[in-house]
Amino acid sequence: MGGLSIWHWLIVLLIVVMVFGTKKLRNMGSDLGGAVKGFKDGMREGGQADAGDKSAAPAAQVTNSQTADTSDKTTIDVEARQKS
């Protein structure tokens, strides 16, 4: 009686989809996935930089600002390098 069944979760999901819409939820999901991927890549590169070359600059993530048409929203990963 105290737990929520699958039907409760389906009703909650239906209400969330009705409030936010599928496009907004899809955009939030892809943004979250990109952030997690960037974090993992940064942690992996950070560990390699600490073990190897101390002068290596960490990679940065640059995203486009949200415009009126978000259908072509992309994420660009760049790596900063120092001049020798």
N, C-alpha and C. Protein backbone atom coordinates (compact mmCIF):
# COMPACT_ATOMS: atom_id res chain seq x y z
N MET A 1 0.82 -1.19 0.00
CA MET A 1 0.00 0.00 0.00
C MET A 1 0.87 1.26 0.00
N GLY A 2 2.04 1.20 0.63
CA GLY A 2 2.87 2.39 0.73
C GLY A 2 3.65 2.70 -0.53
N GLY A 3 3.93 1.69 -1.38
CA GLY A 3 4.73 1.90 -2.59
C GLY A 3 3.88 2.35 -3.76
N LEU A 4 4.55 2.88 -4.76
CA LEU A 4 3.85 3.31 -5.96
C LEU A 4 3.95 2.21 -7.01
N SER A 5 2.82 1.90 -7.63
CA SER A 5 2.80 0.87 -8.66
C SER A 5 3.19 1.46 -10.01
N ILE A 6 3.27 0.61 -11.02
CA ILE A 6 3.62 1.06 -12.36
C ILE A 6 2.58 2.03 -12.90
N TRP A 7 1.33 1.85 -12.53
CA TRP A 7 0.26 2.73 -13.02
C TRP A 7 0.42 4.14 -12.47
N HIS A 8 0.86 4.27 -11.23
CA HIS A 8 1.11 5.60 -10.68
C HIS A 8 2.21 6.31 -11.45
N TRP A 9 3.29 5.58 -11.76
CA TRP A 9 4.40 6.18 -12.50
C TRP A 9 3.98 6.56 -13.92
N LEU A 10 3.15 5.74 -14.56
CA LEU A 10 2.67 6.07 -15.90
C LEU A 10 1.81 7.33 -15.90
N ILE A 11 0.99 7.49 -14.89
CA ILE A 11 0.16 8.70 -14.78
C ILE A 11 1.04 9.93 -14.55
N VAL A 12 2.05 9.80 -13.69
CA VAL A 12 2.98 10.91 -13.45
C VAL A 12 3.72 11.27 -14.75
N LEU A 13 4.18 10.27 -15.48
CA LEU A 13 4.87 10.49 -16.74
C LEU A 13 3.95 11.18 -17.75
N LEU A 14 2.71 10.76 -17.84
CA LEU A 14 1.75 11.38 -18.74
C LEU A 14 1.53 12.85 -18.39
N ILE A 15 1.43 13.17 -17.13
CA ILE A 15 1.24 14.55 -16.70
C ILE A 15 2.47 15.40 -17.02
N VAL A 16 3.66 14.85 -16.80
CA VAL A 16 4.90 15.58 -17.11
C VAL A 16 4.99 15.86 -18.61
N VAL A 17 4.65 14.87 -19.44
CA VAL A 17 4.69 15.06 -20.89
C VAL A 17 3.66 16.10 -21.31
N MET A 18 2.50 16.10 -20.69
CA MET A 18 1.48 17.10 -21.03
C MET A 18 1.90 18.50 -20.62
N VAL A 19 2.59 18.64 -19.51
CA VAL A 19 3.01 19.95 -19.03
C VAL A 19 4.18 20.50 -19.85
N PHE A 20 5.22 19.70 -20.05
CA PHE A 20 6.43 20.18 -20.70
C PHE A 20 6.45 19.96 -22.21
N GLY A 21 5.81 18.94 -22.70
CA GLY A 21 5.84 18.63 -24.12
C GLY A 21 7.04 17.74 -24.45
N THR A 22 6.91 16.97 -25.52
CA THR A 22 7.95 16.00 -25.86
C THR A 22 9.21 16.68 -26.38
N LYS A 23 9.07 17.79 -27.11
CA LYS A 23 10.25 18.46 -27.67
C LYS A 23 11.13 19.03 -26.55
N LYS A 24 10.50 19.65 -25.57
CA LYS A 24 11.25 20.22 -24.45
C LYS A 24 11.94 19.12 -23.64
N LEU A 25 11.25 18.00 -23.41
CA LEU A 25 11.84 16.89 -22.67
C LEU A 25 13.00 16.27 -23.44
N ARG A 26 12.85 16.15 -24.77
CA ARG A 26 13.93 15.59 -25.59
C ARG A 26 15.15 16.50 -25.53
N ASN A 27 14.94 17.82 -25.61
CA ASN A 27 16.06 18.76 -25.54
C ASN A 27 16.75 18.70 -24.18
N MET A 28 15.97 18.61 -23.11
CA MET A 28 16.56 18.52 -21.78
C MET A 28 17.35 17.22 -21.63
N GLY A 29 16.84 16.12 -22.18
CA GLY A 29 17.54 14.85 -22.11
C GLY A 29 18.85 14.87 -22.88
N SER A 30 18.84 15.48 -24.07
CA SER A 30 20.09 15.52 -24.85
C SER A 30 21.10 16.46 -24.19
N ASP A 31 20.64 17.56 -23.60
CA ASP A 31 21.55 18.46 -22.88
C ASP A 31 22.17 17.76 -21.67
N LEU A 32 21.36 17.02 -20.95
CA LEU A 32 21.87 16.29 -19.78
C LEU A 32 22.87 15.22 -20.20
N GLY A 33 22.56 14.50 -21.27
CA GLY A 33 23.47 13.48 -21.77
C GLY A 33 24.80 14.08 -22.22
N GLY A 34 24.74 15.23 -22.90
CA GLY A 34 25.96 15.89 -23.34
C GLY A 34 26.79 16.38 -22.17
N ALA A 35 26.13 16.86 -21.13
CA ALA A 35 26.84 17.34 -19.95
C ALA A 35 27.55 16.18 -19.23
N VAL A 36 26.87 15.04 -19.13
CA VAL A 36 27.47 13.88 -18.48
C VAL A 36 28.66 13.38 -19.30
N LYS A 37 28.50 13.34 -20.63
CA LYS A 37 29.60 12.90 -21.50
C LYS A 37 30.79 13.85 -21.38
N GLY A 38 30.53 15.16 -21.37
CA GLY A 38 31.60 16.13 -21.22
C GLY A 38 32.31 15.99 -19.88
N PHE A 39 31.54 15.72 -18.83
CA PHE A 39 32.13 15.53 -17.51
C PHE A 39 33.03 14.31 -17.49
N LYS A 40 32.56 13.20 -18.07
CA LYS A 40 33.37 11.97 -18.10
C LYS A 40 34.65 12.19 -18.90
N ASP A 41 34.53 12.85 -20.07
CA ASP A 41 35.71 13.13 -20.88
C ASP A 41 36.69 14.02 -20.13
N GLY A 42 36.18 15.02 -19.43
CA GLY A 42 37.03 15.91 -18.66
C GLY A 42 37.74 15.19 -17.53
N MET A 43 37.03 14.29 -16.86
CA MET A 43 37.66 13.52 -15.79
C MET A 43 38.74 12.61 -16.36
N ARG A 44 38.48 12.00 -17.50
CA ARG A 44 39.45 11.10 -18.12
C ARG A 44 40.68 11.89 -18.56
N GLU A 45 40.49 13.04 -19.21
CA GLU A 45 41.61 13.86 -19.66
C GLU A 45 42.34 14.49 -18.48
N GLY A 46 41.61 14.84 -17.44
CA GLY A 46 42.24 15.41 -16.25
C GLY A 46 43.16 14.41 -15.57
N GLY A 47 42.76 13.16 -15.51
CA GLY A 47 43.60 12.12 -14.91
C GLY A 47 44.84 11.86 -15.73
N GLN A 48 44.73 11.91 -17.04
CA GLN A 48 45.88 11.71 -17.91
C GLN A 48 46.83 12.89 -17.82
N ALA A 49 46.29 14.11 -17.71
CA ALA A 49 47.14 15.29 -17.62
C ALA A 49 47.91 15.30 -16.30
N ASP A 50 47.26 14.86 -15.22
CA ASP A 50 47.94 14.83 -13.92
C ASP A 50 49.07 13.79 -13.92
N ALA A 51 48.83 12.65 -14.56
CA ALA A 51 49.83 11.59 -14.57
C ALA A 51 50.96 11.89 -15.55
N GLY A 52 50.67 12.59 -16.62
CA GLY A 52 51.66 12.85 -17.66
C GLY A 52 52.16 14.28 -17.62
N ASP A 53 51.82 15.02 -18.63
CA ASP A 53 52.30 16.39 -18.83
C ASP A 53 51.52 17.37 -17.95
N LYS A 54 52.20 18.11 -17.10
CA LYS A 54 51.54 19.07 -16.21
C LYS A 54 51.12 20.34 -16.93
N SER A 55 51.69 20.62 -18.12
CA SER A 55 51.38 21.86 -18.82
C SER A 55 50.20 21.73 -19.76
N ALA A 56 49.58 20.55 -19.86
CA ALA A 56 48.46 20.36 -20.78
C ALA A 56 47.24 21.10 -20.24
N ALA A 57 46.57 21.82 -21.14
CA ALA A 57 45.38 22.57 -20.75
C ALA A 57 44.17 21.65 -20.84
N PRO A 58 43.21 21.76 -19.92
CA PRO A 58 42.02 20.92 -19.98
C PRO A 58 41.12 21.33 -21.14
N ALA A 59 40.35 20.37 -21.64
CA ALA A 59 39.43 20.64 -22.74
C ALA A 59 38.24 21.44 -22.22
N ALA A 60 37.70 22.30 -23.07
CA ALA A 60 36.55 23.11 -22.70
C ALA A 60 35.38 22.75 -23.59
N GLN A 61 34.17 22.94 -23.10
CA GLN A 61 32.98 22.65 -23.87
C GLN A 61 32.25 23.95 -24.13
N VAL A 62 31.95 24.21 -25.39
CA VAL A 62 31.26 25.43 -25.79
C VAL A 62 29.95 25.04 -26.43
N THR A 63 28.85 25.65 -25.99
CA THR A 63 27.55 25.36 -26.58
C THR A 63 26.98 26.63 -27.19
N ASN A 64 26.16 26.43 -28.20
CA ASN A 64 25.47 27.56 -28.81
C ASN A 64 24.44 28.10 -27.84
N SER A 65 24.24 29.42 -27.86
CA SER A 65 23.21 29.99 -27.01
C SER A 65 21.86 29.62 -27.60
N GLN A 66 20.86 29.52 -26.75
CA GLN A 66 19.55 29.08 -27.19
C GLN A 66 18.90 30.18 -28.01
N THR A 67 18.54 29.85 -29.23
CA THR A 67 17.90 30.80 -30.14
C THR A 67 16.42 30.47 -30.23
N ALA A 68 15.71 31.23 -31.07
CA ALA A 68 14.29 30.99 -31.23
C ALA A 68 14.03 29.62 -31.86
N ASP A 69 14.89 29.19 -32.79
CA ASP A 69 14.75 27.88 -33.41
C ASP A 69 15.80 26.95 -32.83
N THR A 70 15.38 26.05 -31.94
CA THR A 70 16.33 25.17 -31.26
C THR A 70 16.49 23.84 -31.96
N SER A 71 15.92 23.69 -33.17
CA SER A 71 16.02 22.41 -33.86
C SER A 71 17.44 22.13 -34.36
N ASP A 72 18.25 23.18 -34.58
CA ASP A 72 19.62 22.98 -35.07
C ASP A 72 20.66 23.22 -33.97
N LYS A 73 20.27 23.03 -32.72
CA LYS A 73 21.17 23.25 -31.59
C LYS A 73 22.26 22.18 -31.58
N THR A 74 23.51 22.60 -31.53
CA THR A 74 24.63 21.66 -31.54
C THR A 74 25.58 21.99 -30.41
N THR A 75 26.39 21.02 -30.06
CA THR A 75 27.42 21.19 -29.05
C THR A 75 28.77 21.01 -29.72
N ILE A 76 29.68 21.92 -29.45
CA ILE A 76 31.00 21.88 -30.06
C ILE A 76 32.02 21.67 -28.95
N ASP A 77 32.81 20.60 -29.05
CA ASP A 77 33.89 20.34 -28.10
C ASP A 77 35.18 20.88 -28.67
N VAL A 78 35.87 21.70 -27.90
CA VAL A 78 37.14 22.28 -28.36
C VAL A 78 38.21 21.99 -27.33
N GLU A 79 39.45 22.03 -27.76
CA GLU A 79 40.56 21.81 -26.86
C GLU A 79 41.51 23.01 -26.98
N ALA A 80 41.81 23.64 -25.88
CA ALA A 80 42.73 24.80 -25.88
C ALA A 80 44.16 24.30 -25.82
N ARG A 81 44.99 24.87 -26.67
CA ARG A 81 46.40 24.50 -26.68
C ARG A 81 47.24 25.74 -26.51
N GLN A 82 48.35 25.58 -25.80
CA GLN A 82 49.26 26.70 -25.57
C GLN A 82 50.27 26.77 -26.70
N LYS A 83 50.65 28.01 -27.06
CA LYS A 83 51.69 28.19 -28.08
C LYS A 83 53.03 27.82 -27.49
N SER A 84 53.87 27.20 -28.32
CA SER A 84 55.21 26.82 -27.86
C SER A 84 56.20 27.87 -28.24
